[in-house]
Amino acid sequence: MSEKEIIERLKKIVEPYVQRSEGLENFQEKTDFLNDLEINSANLVDVVLDVEDEFDIEIDNDSMEGMLTVGDAKSIIQDKIKAE
């Protein structure tokens, strides 16, 4: 799975939780879930659950805490897919 495909799928996952739509227009690896998209921490848990379902992976608590940007999420997804 390409990095671009992962990022496109991530964008679809986070879209319902985004409070700041301008952040979606510039959705890229450095996009911060909390600051740029204004996704609250409760919804961030929902995003993680949706990512697990979408990519058929399991994200542990340590990885979840490190998932602050789109790039972080992409790297975690890639690592988990490789580990399976």
PDB file of N, CA and C in Angstrom:
ATOM      1  N   MET A   1       0.847  -1.179   0.000  1.00  0.00           N
ATOM      2  CA  MET A   1       0.000   0.000   0.000  1.00  0.00           C
ATOM      3  C   MET A   1       0.895   1.246   0.000  1.00  0.00           C
ATOM      4  N   SER A   2       0.614   2.181  -0.896  1.00  0.00           N
ATOM      5  CA  SER A   2       1.453   3.371  -1.021  1.00  0.00           C
ATOM      6  C   SER A   2       1.183   4.357   0.115  1.00  0.00           C
ATOM      7  N   GLU A   3       2.170   5.234   0.345  1.00  0.00           N
ATOM      8  CA  GLU A   3       2.005   6.264   1.372  1.00  0.00           C
ATOM      9  C   GLU A   3       0.834   7.181   1.015  1.00  0.00           C
ATOM     10  N   LYS A   4       0.715   7.503  -0.261  1.00  0.00           N
ATOM     11  CA  LYS A   4      -0.368   8.382  -0.710  1.00  0.00           C
ATOM     12  C   LYS A   4      -1.730   7.747  -0.418  1.00  0.00           C
ATOM     13  N   GLU A   5      -1.846   6.451  -0.655  1.00  0.00           N
ATOM     14  CA  GLU A   5      -3.108   5.750  -0.400  1.00  0.00           C
ATOM     15  C   GLU A   5      -3.443   5.759   1.092  1.00  0.00           C
ATOM     16  N   ILE A   6      -2.441   5.538   1.932  1.00  0.00           N
ATOM     17  CA  ILE A   6      -2.659   5.566   3.386  1.00  0.00           C
ATOM     18  C   ILE A   6      -3.159   6.948   3.802  1.00  0.00           C
ATOM     19  N   ILE A   7      -2.524   8.005   3.295  1.00  0.00           N
ATOM     20  CA  ILE A   7      -2.907   9.367   3.660  1.00  0.00           C
ATOM     21  C   ILE A   7      -4.316   9.689   3.165  1.00  0.00           C
ATOM     22  N   GLU A   8      -4.665   9.234   1.967  1.00  0.00           N
ATOM     23  CA  GLU A   8      -6.017   9.462   1.448  1.00  0.00           C
ATOM     24  C   GLU A   8      -7.066   8.760   2.310  1.00  0.00           C
ATOM     25  N   ARG A   9      -6.759   7.534   2.718  1.00  0.00           N
ATOM     26  CA  ARG A   9      -7.698   6.797   3.569  1.00  0.00           C
ATOM     27  C   ARG A   9      -7.809   7.445   4.948  1.00  0.00           C
ATOM     28  N   LEU A  10      -6.677   7.942   5.467  1.00  0.00           N
ATOM     29  CA  LEU A  10      -6.685   8.643   6.753  1.00  0.00           C
ATOM     30  C   LEU A  10      -7.564   9.887   6.687  1.00  0.00           C
ATOM     31  N   LYS A  11      -7.468  10.610   5.590  1.00  0.00           N
ATOM     32  CA  LYS A  11      -8.267  11.833   5.438  1.00  0.00           C
ATOM     33  C   LYS A  11      -9.751  11.513   5.515  1.00  0.00           C
ATOM     34  N   LYS A  12     -10.171  10.438   4.870  1.00  0.00           N
ATOM     35  CA  LYS A  12     -11.582  10.042   4.908  1.00  0.00           C
ATOM     36  C   LYS A  12     -12.011   9.655   6.322  1.00  0.00           C
ATOM     37  N   ILE A  13     -11.098   9.017   7.052  1.00  0.00           N
ATOM     38  CA  ILE A  13     -11.407   8.594   8.428  1.00  0.00           C
ATOM     39  C   ILE A  13     -11.596   9.803   9.336  1.00  0.00           C
ATOM     40  N   VAL A  14     -10.698  10.783   9.253  1.00  0.00           N
ATOM     41  CA  VAL A  14     -10.751  11.911  10.196  1.00  0.00           C
ATOM     42  C   VAL A  14     -11.793  12.961   9.829  1.00  0.00           C
ATOM     43  N   GLU A  15     -12.213  12.989   8.581  1.00  0.00           N
ATOM     44  CA  GLU A  15     -13.118  14.049   8.108  1.00  0.00           C
ATOM     45  C   GLU A  15     -14.339  14.291   9.002  1.00  0.00           C
ATOM     46  N   PRO A  16     -15.045  13.244   9.462  1.00  0.00           N
ATOM     47  CA  PRO A  16     -16.235  13.509  10.300  1.00  0.00           C
ATOM     48  C   PRO A  16     -15.919  14.151  11.651  1.00  0.00           C
ATOM     49  N   TYR A  17     -14.662  14.066  12.098  1.00  0.00           N
ATOM     50  CA  TYR A  17     -14.290  14.563  13.426  1.00  0.00           C
ATOM     51  C   TYR A  17     -13.658  15.958  13.383  1.00  0.00           C
ATOM     52  N   VAL A  18     -13.359  16.452  12.205  1.00  0.00           N
ATOM     53  CA  VAL A  18     -12.636  17.717  12.042  1.00  0.00           C
ATOM     54  C   VAL A  18     -13.524  18.903  12.410  1.00  0.00           C
ATOM     55  N   GLN A  19     -12.980  19.796  13.247  1.00  0.00           N
ATOM     56  CA  GLN A  19     -13.701  21.014  13.646  1.00  0.00           C
ATOM     57  C   GLN A  19     -13.222  22.225  12.836  1.00  0.00           C
ATOM     58  N   ARG A  20     -12.089  22.093  12.188  1.00  0.00           N
ATOM     59  CA  ARG A  20     -11.499  23.200  11.423  1.00  0.00           C
ATOM     60  C   ARG A  20     -11.266  22.728   9.988  1.00  0.00           C
ATOM     61  N   SER A  21     -12.213  23.017   9.126  1.00  0.00           N
ATOM     62  CA  SER A  21     -12.186  22.481   7.761  1.00  0.00           C
ATOM     63  C   SER A  21     -10.996  22.971   6.942  1.00  0.00           C
ATOM     64  N   GLU A  22     -10.422  24.140   7.289  1.00  0.00           N
ATOM     65  CA  GLU A  22      -9.244  24.620   6.561  1.00  0.00           C
ATOM     66  C   GLU A  22      -8.094  23.621   6.676  1.00  0.00           C
ATOM     67  N   GLY A  23      -8.039  22.935   7.788  1.00  0.00           N
ATOM     68  CA  GLY A  23      -6.989  21.939   7.986  1.00  0.00           C
ATOM     69  C   GLY A  23      -7.088  20.789   7.006  1.00  0.00           C
ATOM     70  N   LEU A  24      -8.302  20.452   6.598  1.00  0.00           N
ATOM     71  CA  LEU A  24      -8.487  19.366   5.623  1.00  0.00           C
ATOM     72  C   LEU A  24      -8.008  19.759   4.232  1.00  0.00           C
ATOM     73  N   GLU A  25      -8.097  21.049   3.920  1.00  0.00           N
ATOM     74  CA  GLU A  25      -7.670  21.517   2.607  1.00  0.00           C
ATOM     75  C   GLU A  25      -6.168  21.318   2.404  1.00  0.00           C
ATOM     76  N   ASN A  26      -5.408  21.412   3.469  1.00  0.00           N
ATOM     77  CA  ASN A  26      -3.949  21.241   3.404  1.00  0.00           C
ATOM     78  C   ASN A  26      -3.516  19.955   4.107  1.00  0.00           C
ATOM     79  N   PHE A  27      -4.304  18.901   3.959  1.00  0.00           N
ATOM     80  CA  PHE A  27      -4.057  17.634   4.649  1.00  0.00           C
ATOM     81  C   PHE A  27      -2.772  17.004   4.117  1.00  0.00           C
ATOM     82  N   GLN A  28      -1.757  16.949   4.972  1.00  0.00           N
ATOM     83  CA  GLN A  28      -0.459  16.384   4.596  1.00  0.00           C
ATOM     84  C   GLN A  28       0.212  15.789   5.826  1.00  0.00           C
ATOM     85  N   GLU A  29       1.409  15.245   5.635  1.00  0.00           N
ATOM     86  CA  GLU A  29       2.072  14.532   6.742  1.00  0.00           C
ATOM     87  C   GLU A  29       2.254  15.379   7.989  1.00  0.00           C
ATOM     88  N   LYS A  30       2.516  16.677   7.825  1.00  0.00           N
ATOM     89  CA  LYS A  30       2.764  17.515   9.004  1.00  0.00           C
ATOM     90  C   LYS A  30       1.483  18.043   9.645  1.00  0.00           C
ATOM     91  N   THR A  31       0.324  17.710   9.076  1.00  0.00           N
ATOM     92  CA  THR A  31      -0.952  18.150   9.653  1.00  0.00           C
ATOM     93  C   THR A  31      -1.118  17.536  11.045  1.00  0.00           C
ATOM     94  N   ASP A  32      -1.357  18.391  12.022  1.00  0.00           N
ATOM     95  CA  ASP A  32      -1.526  17.983  13.420  1.00  0.00           C
ATOM     96  C   ASP A  32      -3.014  17.780  13.709  1.00  0.00           C
ATOM     97  N   PHE A  33      -3.352  16.617  14.247  1.00  0.00           N
ATOM     98  CA  PHE A  33      -4.759  16.301  14.501  1.00  0.00           C
ATOM     99  C   PHE A  33      -5.411  17.278  15.478  1.00  0.00           C
ATOM    100  N   LEU A  34      -4.685  17.643  16.537  1.00  0.00           N
ATOM    101  CA  LEU A  34      -5.272  18.497  17.570  1.00  0.00           C
ATOM    102  C   LEU A  34      -5.246  19.972  17.176  1.00  0.00           C
ATOM    103  N   ASN A  35      -4.117  20.453  16.670  1.00  0.00           N
ATOM    104  CA  ASN A  35      -3.973  21.884  16.383  1.00  0.00           C
ATOM    105  C   ASN A  35      -4.528  22.294  15.027  1.00  0.00           C
ATOM    106  N   ASP A  36      -4.177  21.567  13.970  1.00  0.00           N
ATOM    107  CA  ASP A  36      -4.583  21.961  12.627  1.00  0.00           C
ATOM    108  C   ASP A  36      -6.031  21.577  12.305  1.00  0.00           C
ATOM    109  N   LEU A  37      -6.450  20.411  12.796  1.00  0.00           N
ATOM    110  CA  LEU A  37      -7.801  19.925  12.494  1.00  0.00           C
ATOM    111  C   LEU A  37      -8.779  20.141  13.649  1.00  0.00           C
ATOM    112  N   GLU A  38      -8.224  20.465  14.819  1.00  0.00           N
ATOM    113  CA  GLU A  38      -9.015  20.690  16.032  1.00  0.00           C
ATOM    114  C   GLU A  38      -9.912  19.497  16.369  1.00  0.00           C
ATOM    115  N   ILE A  39      -9.355  18.311  16.237  1.00  0.00           N
ATOM    116  CA  ILE A  39     -10.056  17.107  16.670  1.00  0.00           C
ATOM    117  C   ILE A  39      -9.827  16.985  18.174  1.00  0.00           C
ATOM    118  N   ASN A  40     -10.896  16.885  18.957  1.00  0.00           N
ATOM    119  CA  ASN A  40     -10.699  16.809  20.408  1.00  0.00           C
ATOM    120  C   ASN A  40     -10.187  15.420  20.802  1.00  0.00           C
ATOM    121  N   SER A  41      -9.640  15.340  21.990  1.00  0.00           N
ATOM    122  CA  SER A  41      -8.978  14.110  22.407  1.00  0.00           C
ATOM    123  C   SER A  41      -9.927  12.915  22.476  1.00  0.00           C
ATOM    124  N   ALA A  42     -11.184  13.145  22.829  1.00  0.00           N
ATOM    125  CA  ALA A  42     -12.154  12.037  22.850  1.00  0.00           C
ATOM    126  C   ALA A  42     -12.377  11.502  21.441  1.00  0.00           C
ATOM    127  N   ASN A  43     -12.494  12.402  20.474  1.00  0.00           N
ATOM    128  CA  ASN A  43     -12.689  11.970  19.094  1.00  0.00           C
ATOM    129  C   ASN A  43     -11.435  11.341  18.513  1.00  0.00           C
ATOM    130  N   LEU A  44     -10.273  11.711  19.056  1.00  0.00           N
ATOM    131  CA  LEU A  44      -9.029  11.105  18.583  1.00  0.00           C
ATOM    132  C   LEU A  44      -9.028   9.603  18.864  1.00  0.00           C
ATOM    133  N   VAL A  45      -9.634   9.202  19.969  1.00  0.00           N
ATOM    134  CA  VAL A  45      -9.773   7.776  20.270  1.00  0.00           C
ATOM    135  C   VAL A  45     -10.646   7.110  19.208  1.00  0.00           C
ATOM    136  N   ASP A  46     -11.719   7.790  18.807  1.00  0.00           N
ATOM    137  CA  ASP A  46     -12.571   7.260  17.735  1.00  0.00           C
ATOM    138  C   ASP A  46     -11.797   7.127  16.431  1.00  0.00           C
ATOM    139  N   VAL A  47     -10.944   8.097  16.147  1.00  0.00           N
ATOM    140  CA  VAL A  47     -10.114   8.041  14.938  1.00  0.00           C
ATOM    141  C   VAL A  47      -9.225   6.803  14.977  1.00  0.00           C
ATOM    142  N   VAL A  48      -8.609   6.554  16.126  1.00  0.00           N
ATOM    143  CA  VAL A  48      -7.730   5.381  16.264  1.00  0.00           C
ATOM    144  C   VAL A  48      -8.523   4.097  16.037  1.00  0.00           C
ATOM    145  N   LEU A  49      -9.702   4.013  16.616  1.00  0.00           N
ATOM    146  CA  LEU A  49     -10.543   2.823  16.427  1.00  0.00           C
ATOM    147  C   LEU A  49     -10.922   2.643  14.956  1.00  0.00           C
ATOM    148  N   ASP A  50     -11.244   3.743  14.294  1.00  0.00           N
ATOM    149  CA  ASP A  50     -11.582   3.686  12.873  1.00  0.00           C
ATOM    150  C   ASP A  50     -10.378   3.270  12.025  1.00  0.00           C
ATOM    151  N   VAL A  51      -9.201   3.752  12.404  1.00  0.00           N
ATOM    152  CA  VAL A  51      -7.969   3.364  11.697  1.00  0.00           C
ATOM    153  C   VAL A  51      -7.733   1.865  11.855  1.00  0.00           C
ATOM    154  N   GLU A  52      -7.931   1.373  13.068  1.00  0.00           N
ATOM    155  CA  GLU A  52      -7.758  -0.068  13.303  1.00  0.00           C
ATOM    156  C   GLU A  52      -8.685  -0.875  12.396  1.00  0.00           C
ATOM    157  N   ASP A  53      -9.935  -0.460  12.303  1.00  0.00           N
ATOM    158  CA  ASP A  53     -10.904  -1.165  11.456  1.00  0.00           C
ATOM    159  C   ASP A  53     -10.546  -1.054   9.977  1.00  0.00           C
ATOM    160  N   GLU A  54     -10.213   0.154   9.541  1.00  0.00           N
ATOM    161  CA  GLU A  54      -9.927   0.416   8.120  1.00  0.00           C
ATOM    162  C   GLU A  54      -8.726  -0.379   7.618  1.00  0.00           C
ATOM    163  N   PHE A  55      -7.682  -0.461   8.450  1.00  0.00           N
ATOM    164  CA  PHE A  55      -6.437  -1.101   8.019  1.00  0.00           C
ATOM    165  C   PHE A  55      -6.257  -2.501   8.605  1.00  0.00           C
ATOM    166  N   ASP A  56      -7.225  -2.961   9.386  1.00  0.00           N
ATOM    167  CA  ASP A  56      -7.178  -4.281  10.010  1.00  0.00           C
ATOM    168  C   ASP A  56      -5.892  -4.475  10.816  1.00  0.00           C
ATOM    169  N   ILE A  57      -5.630  -3.509  11.702  1.00  0.00           N
ATOM    170  CA  ILE A  57      -4.451  -3.547  12.567  1.00  0.00           C
ATOM    171  C   ILE A  57      -4.882  -3.262  14.001  1.00  0.00           C
ATOM    172  N   GLU A  58      -3.948  -3.455  14.933  1.00  0.00           N
ATOM    173  CA  GLU A  58      -4.203  -3.115  16.326  1.00  0.00           C
ATOM    174  C   GLU A  58      -3.165  -2.100  16.766  1.00  0.00           C
ATOM    175  N   ILE A  59      -3.626  -0.988  17.318  1.00  0.00           N
ATOM    176  CA  ILE A  59      -2.728   0.083  17.746  1.00  0.00           C
ATOM    177  C   ILE A  59      -2.677   0.089  19.270  1.00  0.00           C
ATOM    178  N   ASP A  60      -1.484  -0.154  19.818  1.00  0.00           N
ATOM    179  CA  ASP A  60      -1.328  -0.189  21.272  1.00  0.00           C
ATOM    180  C   ASP A  60      -1.308   1.236  21.836  1.00  0.00           C
ATOM    181  N   ASN A  61      -1.403   1.338  23.153  1.00  0.00           N
ATOM    182  CA  ASN A  61      -1.479   2.643  23.809  1.00  0.00           C
ATOM    183  C   ASN A  61      -0.265   3.522  23.530  1.00  0.00           C
ATOM    184  N   ASP A  62       0.936   2.929  23.530  1.00  0.00           N
ATOM    185  CA  ASP A  62       2.144   3.713  23.266  1.00  0.00           C
ATOM    186  C   ASP A  62       2.099   4.328  21.872  1.00  0.00           C
ATOM    187  N   SER A  63       1.687   3.526  20.893  1.00  0.00           N
ATOM    188  CA  SER A  63       1.582   4.033  19.522  1.00  0.00           C
ATOM    189  C   SER A  63       0.501   5.097  19.423  1.00  0.00           C
ATOM    190  N   MET A  64      -0.596   4.870  20.126  1.00  0.00           N
ATOM    191  CA  MET A  64      -1.714   5.810  20.083  1.00  0.00           C
ATOM    192  C   MET A  64      -1.274   7.180  20.617  1.00  0.00           C
ATOM    193  N   GLU A  65      -0.490   7.185  21.686  1.00  0.00           N
ATOM    194  CA  GLU A  65      -0.022   8.443  22.270  1.00  0.00           C
ATOM    195  C   GLU A  65       0.915   9.190  21.326  1.00  0.00           C
ATOM    196  N   GLY A  66       1.591   8.455  20.446  1.00  0.00           N
ATOM    197  CA  GLY A  66       2.513   9.075  19.507  1.00  0.00           C
ATOM    198  C   GLY A  66       1.870   9.478  18.198  1.00  0.00           C
ATOM    199  N   MET A  67       0.572   9.304  18.089  1.00  0.00           N
ATOM    200  CA  MET A  67      -0.136   9.579  16.836  1.00  0.00           C
ATOM    201  C   MET A  67      -0.699  11.000  16.862  1.00  0.00           C
ATOM    202  N   LEU A  68       0.187  11.984  16.694  1.00  0.00           N
ATOM    203  CA  LEU A  68      -0.210  13.380  16.793  1.00  0.00           C
ATOM    204  C   LEU A  68      -0.401  14.047  15.433  1.00  0.00           C
ATOM    205  N   THR A  69       0.321  13.551  14.430  1.00  0.00           N
ATOM    206  CA  THR A  69       0.217  14.132  13.090  1.00  0.00           C
ATOM    207  C   THR A  69      -0.166  13.048  12.086  1.00  0.00           C
ATOM    208  N   VAL A  70      -0.508  13.492  10.890  1.00  0.00           N
ATOM    209  CA  VAL A  70      -0.826  12.549   9.816  1.00  0.00           C
ATOM    210  C   VAL A  70       0.392  11.678   9.523  1.00  0.00           C
ATOM    211  N   GLY A  71       1.568  12.263   9.536  1.00  0.00           N
ATOM    212  CA  GLY A  71       2.797  11.508   9.294  1.00  0.00           C
ATOM    213  C   GLY A  71       3.038  10.444  10.351  1.00  0.00           C
ATOM    214  N   ASP A  72       2.776  10.804  11.617  1.00  0.00           N
ATOM    215  CA  ASP A  72       2.904   9.827  12.710  1.00  0.00           C
ATOM    216  C   ASP A  72       1.959   8.656  12.470  1.00  0.00           C
ATOM    217  N   ALA A  73       0.724   8.970  12.140  1.00  0.00           N
ATOM    218  CA  ALA A  73      -0.283   7.930  11.914  1.00  0.00           C
ATOM    219  C   ALA A  73       0.124   7.043  10.746  1.00  0.00           C
ATOM    220  N   LYS A  74       0.606   7.653   9.666  1.00  0.00           N
ATOM    221  CA  LYS A  74       1.027   6.893   8.483  1.00  0.00           C
ATOM    222  C   LYS A  74       2.155   5.928   8.839  1.00  0.00           C
ATOM    223  N   SER A  75       3.149   6.407   9.602  1.00  0.00           N
ATOM    224  CA  SER A  75       4.280   5.551  10.002  1.00  0.00           C
ATOM    225  C   SER A  75       3.826   4.392  10.877  1.00  0.00           C
ATOM    226  N   ILE A  76       2.933   4.674  11.824  1.00  0.00           N
ATOM    227  CA  ILE A  76       2.415   3.628  12.710  1.00  0.00           C
ATOM    228  C   ILE A  76       1.645   2.590  11.898  1.00  0.00           C
ATOM    229  N   ILE A  77       0.814   3.051  10.977  1.00  0.00           N
ATOM    230  CA  ILE A  77       0.041   2.128  10.126  1.00  0.00           C
ATOM    231  C   ILE A  77       0.984   1.257   9.308  1.00  0.00           C
ATOM    232  N   GLN A  78       2.003   1.878   8.701  1.00  0.00           N
ATOM    233  CA  GLN A  78       2.960   1.104   7.904  1.00  0.00           C
ATOM    234  C   GLN A  78       3.670   0.049   8.744  1.00  0.00           C
ATOM    235  N   ASP A  79       4.108   0.448   9.943  1.00  0.00           N
ATOM    236  CA  ASP A  79       4.803  -0.496  10.836  1.00  0.00           C
ATOM    237  C   ASP A  79       3.900  -1.656  11.230  1.00  0.00           C
ATOM    238  N   LYS A  80       2.638  -1.356  11.545  1.00  0.00           N
ATOM    239  CA  LYS A  80       1.704  -2.405  11.976  1.00  0.00           C
ATOM    240  C   LYS A  80       1.367  -3.340  10.813  1.00  0.00           C
ATOM    241  N   ILE A  81       1.241  -2.796   9.605  1.00  0.00           N
ATOM    242  CA  ILE A  81       0.948  -3.649   8.432  1.00  0.00           C
ATOM    243  C   ILE A  81       2.129  -4.587   8.166  1.00  0.00           C
ATOM    244  N   LYS A  82       3.352  -4.057   8.284  1.00  0.00           N
ATOM    245  CA  LYS A  82       4.547  -4.887   8.062  1.00  0.00           C
ATOM    246  C   LYS A  82       4.673  -5.989   9.096  1.00  0.00           C
ATOM    247  N   ALA A  83       4.252  -5.685  10.338  1.00  0.00           N
ATOM    248  CA  ALA A  83       4.400  -6.636  11.448  1.00  0.00           C
ATOM    249  C   ALA A  83       3.427  -7.809  11.347  1.00  0.00           C
ATOM    250  N   GLU A  84       2.371  -7.648  10.563  1.00  0.00           N
ATOM    251  CA  GLU A  84       1.344  -8.701  10.487  1.00  0.00           C
ATOM    252  C   GLU A  84       1.755  -9.809   9.576  1.00  0.00           C
TER     253      GLU A  84
END
